Amino acid sequence: MSFFLRTQDFRHTGYELVLSRPTNVPSVIVPLINAQLDTIYRPALRYRLTGVVLSHLRGEGDTQLDLFGEALRAERVRRIYDGIDRLDAKYGKHTVFLGSSFPAKQGQQRTGDQAELPRRRRLLLPGEDERKRFGIPLFGDVR
């Protein structure tokens, strides 16, 4: 897997990581990225994009047990994420999220000119709310 940052002037910097075993669990991947993020992040630069690229993908049944039980621990965590996916399917997207991302959900995501919502996001049609929207463009006034 690799991750990268794109600056405001469209320059990229990134890092490639080799995992010891296949995983689809964010709690395994995120600490690996955090450990290397300081090597590419520069506070003085303004960034416009972050990205993660996963490679050498495999099916879920293609894992091999190991001597130290890491695969079994990963299986338990995978079951937790399967439960979260079922809750999201039943109650809606973002019903359950990582507690560490709570400050990001509370704060404003953008600043300056980008902080203002576009007209279509500010003017909702009857029956719409902030999360549930009709996929049609607005050409006239909404009253």
N, C-alpha and C. Protein backbone atom coordinates (compact mmCIF):
# COMPACT_ATOMS: atom_id res chain seq x y z
N MET A 1 0.84 -1.17 0.00
CA MET A 1 0.00 0.00 0.00
C MET A 1 0.88 1.22 0.00
N SER A 2 0.33 2.31 -0.45
CA SER A 2 1.05 3.57 -0.40
C SER A 2 0.06 4.68 -0.04
N PHE A 3 0.60 5.76 0.48
CA PHE A 3 -0.23 6.94 0.76
C PHE A 3 0.52 8.16 0.25
N PHE A 4 -0.23 9.21 -0.02
CA PHE A 4 0.39 10.40 -0.58
C PHE A 4 -0.35 11.65 -0.15
N LEU A 5 0.33 12.77 -0.29
CA LEU A 5 -0.23 14.09 -0.05
C LEU A 5 -0.02 14.91 -1.32
N ARG A 6 -1.01 15.71 -1.68
CA ARG A 6 -0.89 16.62 -2.83
C ARG A 6 -0.98 18.04 -2.30
N THR A 7 -0.03 18.86 -2.67
CA THR A 7 -0.01 20.25 -2.22
C THR A 7 -0.92 21.11 -3.11
N GLN A 8 -1.09 22.36 -2.70
CA GLN A 8 -1.93 23.27 -3.46
C GLN A 8 -1.39 23.50 -4.87
N ASP A 9 -0.09 23.36 -5.06
CA ASP A 9 0.48 23.53 -6.40
C ASP A 9 0.64 22.19 -7.14
N PHE A 10 -0.14 21.19 -6.72
CA PHE A 10 -0.25 19.89 -7.39
C PHE A 10 1.05 19.07 -7.39
N ARG A 11 1.88 19.27 -6.39
CA ARG A 11 3.05 18.42 -6.23
C ARG A 11 2.69 17.29 -5.27
N HIS A 12 3.23 16.12 -5.55
CA HIS A 12 2.92 14.94 -4.75
C HIS A 12 4.13 14.48 -3.96
N THR A 13 3.87 13.99 -2.78
CA THR A 13 4.88 13.30 -2.00
C THR A 13 4.19 12.14 -1.32
N GLY A 14 4.88 11.02 -1.20
CA GLY A 14 4.22 9.85 -0.65
C GLY A 14 5.19 8.87 -0.05
N TYR A 15 4.63 7.75 0.39
CA TYR A 15 5.41 6.72 1.06
C TYR A 15 4.77 5.38 0.74
N GLU A 16 5.58 4.38 0.51
CA GLU A 16 5.08 3.03 0.23
C GLU A 16 5.35 2.13 1.43
N LEU A 17 4.35 1.35 1.82
CA LEU A 17 4.47 0.43 2.95
C LEU A 17 4.19 -0.99 2.46
N VAL A 18 4.93 -1.94 2.99
CA VAL A 18 4.68 -3.36 2.68
C VAL A 18 4.11 -3.99 3.95
N LEU A 19 2.90 -4.52 3.85
CA LEU A 19 2.24 -5.14 4.99
C LEU A 19 2.73 -6.58 5.16
N SER A 20 2.78 -7.04 6.39
CA SER A 20 3.24 -8.40 6.65
C SER A 20 2.21 -9.45 6.25
N ARG A 21 0.93 -9.03 6.20
CA ARG A 21 -0.14 -9.94 5.78
C ARG A 21 -1.29 -9.11 5.22
N PRO A 22 -2.14 -9.72 4.40
CA PRO A 22 -3.29 -8.97 3.88
C PRO A 22 -4.24 -8.55 5.01
N THR A 23 -4.82 -7.38 4.88
CA THR A 23 -5.78 -6.90 5.87
C THR A 23 -6.77 -5.94 5.21
N ASN A 24 -7.96 -5.87 5.79
CA ASN A 24 -8.95 -4.88 5.38
C ASN A 24 -9.44 -4.09 6.59
N VAL A 25 -8.62 -4.06 7.62
CA VAL A 25 -9.00 -3.46 8.89
C VAL A 25 -8.30 -2.10 9.04
N PRO A 26 -9.08 -1.01 9.13
CA PRO A 26 -8.47 0.32 9.26
C PRO A 26 -7.58 0.47 10.49
N SER A 27 -7.92 -0.21 11.59
CA SER A 27 -7.12 -0.06 12.81
C SER A 27 -5.74 -0.69 12.68
N VAL A 28 -5.51 -1.46 11.64
CA VAL A 28 -4.17 -1.98 11.35
C VAL A 28 -3.44 -1.02 10.42
N ILE A 29 -4.14 -0.47 9.44
CA ILE A 29 -3.53 0.36 8.41
C ILE A 29 -3.21 1.77 8.91
N VAL A 30 -4.13 2.39 9.65
CA VAL A 30 -3.96 3.78 10.07
C VAL A 30 -2.72 3.98 10.94
N PRO A 31 -2.43 3.14 11.94
CA PRO A 31 -1.19 3.36 12.71
C PRO A 31 0.08 3.27 11.85
N LEU A 32 0.07 2.40 10.85
CA LEU A 32 1.23 2.30 9.97
C LEU A 32 1.44 3.59 9.18
N ILE A 33 0.34 4.17 8.72
CA ILE A 33 0.43 5.44 8.01
C ILE A 33 0.88 6.56 8.95
N ASN A 34 0.27 6.61 10.15
CA ASN A 34 0.63 7.66 11.11
C ASN A 34 2.11 7.62 11.48
N ALA A 35 2.67 6.41 11.55
CA ALA A 35 4.08 6.28 11.91
C ALA A 35 4.99 6.90 10.85
N GLN A 36 4.56 6.93 9.60
CA GLN A 36 5.40 7.46 8.51
C GLN A 36 4.97 8.84 8.03
N LEU A 37 3.83 9.31 8.48
CA LEU A 37 3.31 10.59 7.98
C LEU A 37 4.25 11.75 8.24
N ASP A 38 4.91 11.75 9.39
CA ASP A 38 5.82 12.85 9.73
C ASP A 38 6.99 12.95 8.76
N THR A 39 7.32 11.87 8.06
CA THR A 39 8.44 11.92 7.12
C THR A 39 8.09 12.72 5.86
N ILE A 40 6.79 12.84 5.52
CA ILE A 40 6.43 13.56 4.30
C ILE A 40 5.64 14.83 4.56
N TYR A 41 5.02 14.97 5.73
CA TYR A 41 4.19 16.14 6.03
C TYR A 41 5.06 17.33 6.42
N ARG A 42 4.79 18.48 5.83
CA ARG A 42 5.48 19.73 6.14
C ARG A 42 4.43 20.76 6.56
N PRO A 43 4.43 21.19 7.83
CA PRO A 43 3.40 22.12 8.31
C PRO A 43 3.32 23.43 7.53
N ALA A 44 4.40 23.87 6.94
CA ALA A 44 4.40 25.15 6.23
C ALA A 44 3.67 25.07 4.89
N LEU A 45 3.46 23.87 4.35
CA LEU A 45 2.79 23.71 3.07
C LEU A 45 1.29 23.59 3.25
N ARG A 46 0.54 24.04 2.23
CA ARG A 46 -0.91 23.85 2.23
C ARG A 46 -1.21 22.64 1.34
N TYR A 47 -2.04 21.74 1.85
CA TYR A 47 -2.37 20.51 1.14
C TYR A 47 -3.80 20.57 0.63
N ARG A 48 -4.03 19.94 -0.51
CA ARG A 48 -5.36 19.90 -1.10
C ARG A 48 -5.93 18.51 -1.13
N LEU A 49 -5.10 17.47 -0.96
CA LEU A 49 -5.60 16.11 -1.13
C LEU A 49 -4.73 15.12 -0.38
N THR A 50 -5.37 14.12 0.18
CA THR A 50 -4.65 12.97 0.72
C THR A 50 -5.16 11.74 0.00
N GLY A 51 -4.33 10.73 -0.10
CA GLY A 51 -4.78 9.52 -0.80
C GLY A 51 -4.08 8.29 -0.29
N VAL A 52 -4.77 7.17 -0.43
CA VAL A 52 -4.22 5.86 -0.08
C VAL A 52 -4.47 4.95 -1.27
N VAL A 53 -3.45 4.22 -1.66
CA VAL A 53 -3.55 3.28 -2.77
C VAL A 53 -3.26 1.89 -2.23
N LEU A 54 -4.20 0.99 -2.42
CA LEU A 54 -4.03 -0.39 -1.99
C LEU A 54 -3.69 -1.23 -3.21
N SER A 55 -2.73 -2.13 -3.08
CA SER A 55 -2.32 -2.95 -4.21
C SER A 55 -2.20 -4.40 -3.78
N HIS A 56 -2.04 -5.28 -4.76
CA HIS A 56 -1.95 -6.72 -4.51
C HIS A 56 -3.15 -7.21 -3.70
N LEU A 57 -4.34 -6.82 -4.13
CA LEU A 57 -5.57 -7.17 -3.41
C LEU A 57 -5.86 -8.66 -3.57
N ARG A 58 -6.47 -9.22 -2.54
CA ARG A 58 -6.83 -10.64 -2.53
C ARG A 58 -8.24 -10.80 -1.98
N GLY A 59 -8.81 -11.97 -2.22
CA GLY A 59 -10.11 -12.28 -1.64
C GLY A 59 -9.97 -12.54 -0.15
N GLU A 60 -11.08 -12.44 0.58
CA GLU A 60 -11.02 -12.61 2.04
C GLU A 60 -10.60 -14.00 2.47
N GLY A 61 -10.94 -15.02 1.71
CA GLY A 61 -10.64 -16.38 2.11
C GLY A 61 -9.21 -16.81 1.86
N ASP A 62 -8.37 -15.92 1.34
CA ASP A 62 -7.01 -16.27 0.96
C ASP A 62 -5.97 -16.00 2.04
N THR A 63 -6.37 -16.02 3.31
CA THR A 63 -5.40 -15.74 4.37
C THR A 63 -4.90 -17.04 4.98
N GLN A 64 -3.70 -16.99 5.48
CA GLN A 64 -3.08 -18.15 6.08
C GLN A 64 -2.88 -17.88 7.56
N LEU A 65 -3.16 -18.86 8.40
CA LEU A 65 -2.94 -18.71 9.83
C LEU A 65 -1.44 -18.61 10.10
N ASP A 66 -1.10 -17.91 11.18
CA ASP A 66 0.31 -17.76 11.51
C ASP A 66 0.61 -18.38 12.87
N LEU A 67 1.85 -18.43 13.21
CA LEU A 67 2.30 -19.08 14.43
C LEU A 67 1.92 -18.32 15.69
N PHE A 68 1.82 -16.99 15.60
CA PHE A 68 1.62 -16.17 16.79
C PHE A 68 0.19 -15.69 16.99
N GLY A 69 -0.74 -16.10 16.15
CA GLY A 69 -2.15 -15.77 16.34
C GLY A 69 -2.59 -14.41 15.85
N GLU A 70 -1.73 -13.71 15.11
CA GLU A 70 -2.13 -12.41 14.58
C GLU A 70 -3.32 -12.51 13.64
N ALA A 71 -3.38 -13.58 12.86
CA ALA A 71 -4.49 -13.76 11.93
C ALA A 71 -5.80 -13.95 12.68
N LEU A 72 -5.78 -14.62 13.80
CA LEU A 72 -7.01 -14.81 14.60
C LEU A 72 -7.46 -13.48 15.21
N ARG A 73 -6.53 -12.68 15.69
CA ARG A 73 -6.90 -11.36 16.22
C ARG A 73 -7.47 -10.48 15.11
N ALA A 74 -6.88 -10.56 13.95
CA ALA A 74 -7.39 -9.78 12.81
C ALA A 74 -8.79 -10.25 12.43
N GLU A 75 -9.06 -11.53 12.53
CA GLU A 75 -10.39 -12.07 12.22
C GLU A 75 -11.43 -11.53 13.20
N ARG A 76 -11.08 -11.42 14.48
CA ARG A 76 -12.01 -10.86 15.47
C ARG A 76 -12.33 -9.40 15.15
N VAL A 77 -11.31 -8.64 14.80
CA VAL A 77 -11.53 -7.23 14.45
C VAL A 77 -12.36 -7.13 13.18
N ARG A 78 -12.12 -8.01 12.22
CA ARG A 78 -12.89 -7.99 10.98
C ARG A 78 -14.37 -8.20 11.27
N ARG A 79 -14.67 -9.08 12.23
CA ARG A 79 -16.09 -9.31 12.60
C ARG A 79 -16.71 -8.05 13.19
N ILE A 80 -15.94 -7.30 13.93
CA ILE A 80 -16.45 -6.02 14.47
C ILE A 80 -16.80 -5.08 13.32
N TYR A 81 -15.91 -4.97 12.33
CA TYR A 81 -16.18 -4.10 11.20
C TYR A 81 -17.35 -4.60 10.36
N ASP A 82 -17.54 -5.90 10.28
CA ASP A 82 -18.72 -6.43 9.60
C ASP A 82 -20.00 -5.99 10.32
N GLY A 83 -19.97 -6.00 11.64
CA GLY A 83 -21.12 -5.52 12.42
C GLY A 83 -21.38 -4.04 12.19
N ILE A 84 -20.33 -3.26 12.10
CA ILE A 84 -20.47 -1.83 11.82
C ILE A 84 -21.09 -1.63 10.44
N ASP A 85 -20.65 -2.42 9.46
CA ASP A 85 -21.23 -2.32 8.11
C ASP A 85 -22.71 -2.64 8.13
N ARG A 86 -23.12 -3.64 8.92
CA ARG A 86 -24.55 -3.98 9.01
C ARG A 86 -25.34 -2.84 9.66
N LEU A 87 -24.77 -2.22 10.72
CA LEU A 87 -25.44 -1.07 11.35
C LEU A 87 -25.59 0.09 10.37
N ASP A 88 -24.54 0.35 9.59
CA ASP A 88 -24.62 1.42 8.58
C ASP A 88 -25.69 1.11 7.54
N ALA A 89 -25.79 -0.16 7.13
CA ALA A 89 -26.80 -0.53 6.14
C ALA A 89 -28.21 -0.36 6.71
N LYS A 90 -28.37 -0.63 8.00
CA LYS A 90 -29.70 -0.57 8.61
C LYS A 90 -30.09 0.86 8.99
N TYR A 91 -29.16 1.62 9.58
CA TYR A 91 -29.51 2.94 10.13
C TYR A 91 -28.95 4.11 9.34
N GLY A 92 -28.17 3.85 8.32
CA GLY A 92 -27.63 4.93 7.50
C GLY A 92 -26.14 5.13 7.67
N LYS A 93 -25.59 5.72 6.63
CA LYS A 93 -24.16 5.98 6.58
C LYS A 93 -23.73 6.89 7.73
N HIS A 94 -22.57 6.66 8.27
CA HIS A 94 -21.97 7.45 9.34
C HIS A 94 -22.69 7.30 10.68
N THR A 95 -23.51 6.24 10.85
CA THR A 95 -24.14 6.00 12.14
C THR A 95 -23.07 5.65 13.17
N VAL A 96 -22.13 4.83 12.77
CA VAL A 96 -21.01 4.43 13.62
C VAL A 96 -19.74 4.91 12.95
N PHE A 97 -18.85 5.52 13.72
CA PHE A 97 -17.57 5.98 13.17
C PHE A 97 -16.52 5.87 14.25
N LEU A 98 -15.26 5.96 13.85
CA LEU A 98 -14.16 5.89 14.79
C LEU A 98 -14.20 7.09 15.74
N GLY A 99 -14.07 6.83 17.03
CA GLY A 99 -14.09 7.91 18.02
C GLY A 99 -12.98 8.93 17.78
N SER A 100 -11.86 8.48 17.25
CA SER A 100 -10.74 9.40 17.01
C SER A 100 -11.05 10.41 15.92
N SER A 101 -12.08 10.15 15.10
CA SER A 101 -12.45 11.10 14.06
C SER A 101 -13.55 12.06 14.51
N PHE A 102 -13.98 11.96 15.76
CA PHE A 102 -15.05 12.82 16.26
C PHE A 102 -14.69 14.31 16.18
N PRO A 103 -13.47 14.72 16.58
CA PRO A 103 -13.16 16.16 16.45
C PRO A 103 -13.27 16.66 15.00
N ALA A 104 -12.93 15.84 14.04
CA ALA A 104 -13.05 16.27 12.64
C ALA A 104 -14.50 16.43 12.25
N LYS A 105 -15.39 15.61 12.80
CA LYS A 105 -16.82 15.73 12.49
C LYS A 105 -17.42 16.98 13.13
N GLN A 106 -16.87 17.43 14.25
CA GLN A 106 -17.39 18.59 14.95
C GLN A 106 -16.91 19.89 14.32
N GLY A 107 -15.70 19.89 13.81
CA GLY A 107 -15.10 21.12 13.30
C GLY A 107 -15.48 21.39 11.86
N GLN A 108 -15.07 22.54 11.41
CA GLN A 108 -15.32 22.94 10.03
C GLN A 108 -14.23 22.32 9.16
N GLN A 109 -14.62 21.71 8.05
CA GLN A 109 -13.68 21.01 7.19
C GLN A 109 -12.89 21.96 6.30
N ARG A 110 -13.46 23.08 5.92
CA ARG A 110 -12.80 23.99 4.99
C ARG A 110 -12.74 25.39 5.58
N THR A 111 -11.83 26.20 5.03
CA THR A 111 -11.68 27.57 5.50
C THR A 111 -11.72 28.52 4.30
N GLY A 112 -11.89 29.80 4.58
CA GLY A 112 -11.87 30.81 3.53
C GLY A 112 -13.02 30.67 2.56
N ASP A 113 -12.73 30.87 1.26
CA ASP A 113 -13.76 30.80 0.23
C ASP A 113 -14.38 29.41 0.13
N GLN A 114 -13.61 28.40 0.44
CA GLN A 114 -14.11 27.02 0.33
C GLN A 114 -15.10 26.68 1.44
N ALA A 115 -15.13 27.48 2.52
CA ALA A 115 -16.01 27.18 3.64
C ALA A 115 -17.48 27.43 3.30
N GLU A 116 -17.76 28.32 2.35
CA GLU A 116 -19.14 28.62 1.99
C GLU A 116 -19.71 27.50 1.13
N LEU A 117 -20.88 27.02 1.51
CA LEU A 117 -21.53 25.96 0.76
C LEU A 117 -22.05 26.49 -0.57
N PRO A 118 -22.03 25.68 -1.62
CA PRO A 118 -22.61 26.11 -2.89
C PRO A 118 -24.13 26.30 -2.75
N ARG A 119 -24.70 27.05 -3.65
CA ARG A 119 -26.14 27.38 -3.62
C ARG A 119 -27.00 26.12 -3.52
N ARG A 120 -26.66 25.09 -4.28
CA ARG A 120 -27.47 23.87 -4.28
C ARG A 120 -27.45 23.18 -2.92
N ARG A 121 -26.37 23.32 -2.19
CA ARG A 121 -26.30 22.71 -0.86
C ARG A 121 -27.02 23.54 0.19
N ARG A 122 -27.14 24.86 -0.05
CA ARG A 122 -27.83 25.74 0.91
C ARG A 122 -29.34 25.70 0.73
N LEU A 123 -29.81 25.57 -0.52
CA LEU A 123 -31.24 25.61 -0.81
C LEU A 123 -31.75 24.18 -0.98
N LEU A 124 -32.47 23.71 -0.01
CA LEU A 124 -32.96 22.34 -0.04
C LEU A 124 -34.38 22.28 -0.57
N LEU A 125 -34.68 21.25 -1.31
CA LEU A 125 -36.04 21.02 -1.79
C LEU A 125 -36.88 20.45 -0.67
N PRO A 126 -38.22 20.58 -0.75
CA PRO A 126 -39.08 19.97 0.27
C PRO A 126 -38.82 18.46 0.34
N GLY A 127 -38.62 17.96 1.56
CA GLY A 127 -38.34 16.54 1.76
C GLY A 127 -36.86 16.23 1.87
N GLU A 128 -36.00 17.17 1.54
CA GLU A 128 -34.57 16.96 1.66
C GLU A 128 -34.08 17.42 3.03
N ASP A 129 -32.99 16.85 3.46
CA ASP A 129 -32.28 17.39 4.62
C ASP A 129 -30.79 17.39 4.28
N GLU A 130 -29.96 17.72 5.24
CA GLU A 130 -28.53 17.86 4.97
C GLU A 130 -27.90 16.58 4.43
N ARG A 131 -28.36 15.42 4.88
CA ARG A 131 -27.76 14.15 4.48
C ARG A 131 -28.50 13.46 3.33
N LYS A 132 -29.82 13.68 3.22
CA LYS A 132 -30.61 13.00 2.18
C LYS A 132 -31.05 14.03 1.15
N ARG A 133 -30.58 13.83 -0.07
CA ARG A 133 -30.82 14.82 -1.09
C ARG A 133 -31.27 14.16 -2.38
N PHE A 134 -32.03 14.91 -3.18
CA PHE A 134 -32.41 14.45 -4.51
C PHE A 134 -31.27 14.75 -5.46
N GLY A 135 -30.99 13.87 -6.38
CA GLY A 135 -29.88 14.06 -7.30
C GLY A 135 -30.24 14.83 -8.54
N ILE A 136 -30.84 16.01 -8.35
CA ILE A 136 -31.21 16.84 -9.50
C ILE A 136 -30.61 18.23 -9.31
N PRO A 137 -30.17 18.86 -10.40
CA PRO A 137 -29.61 20.22 -10.28
C PRO A 137 -30.72 21.25 -10.14
N LEU A 138 -30.40 22.40 -9.57
CA LEU A 138 -31.34 23.51 -9.45
C LEU A 138 -31.01 24.56 -10.48
N PHE A 139 -32.00 24.98 -11.25
CA PHE A 139 -31.78 26.01 -12.26
C PHE A 139 -32.52 27.30 -11.90
N GLY A 140 -33.56 27.20 -11.10
CA GLY A 140 -34.34 28.38 -10.73
C GLY A 140 -34.37 28.54 -9.22
N ASP A 141 -35.23 29.43 -8.75
CA ASP A 141 -35.35 29.65 -7.32
C ASP A 141 -36.15 28.52 -6.68
N VAL A 142 -35.78 28.18 -5.47
CA VAL A 142 -36.50 27.18 -4.68
C VAL A 142 -37.25 27.92 -3.59
N ARG A 143 -38.53 27.69 -3.52
CA ARG A 143 -39.33 28.37 -2.49
C ARG A 143 -40.11 27.37 -1.70
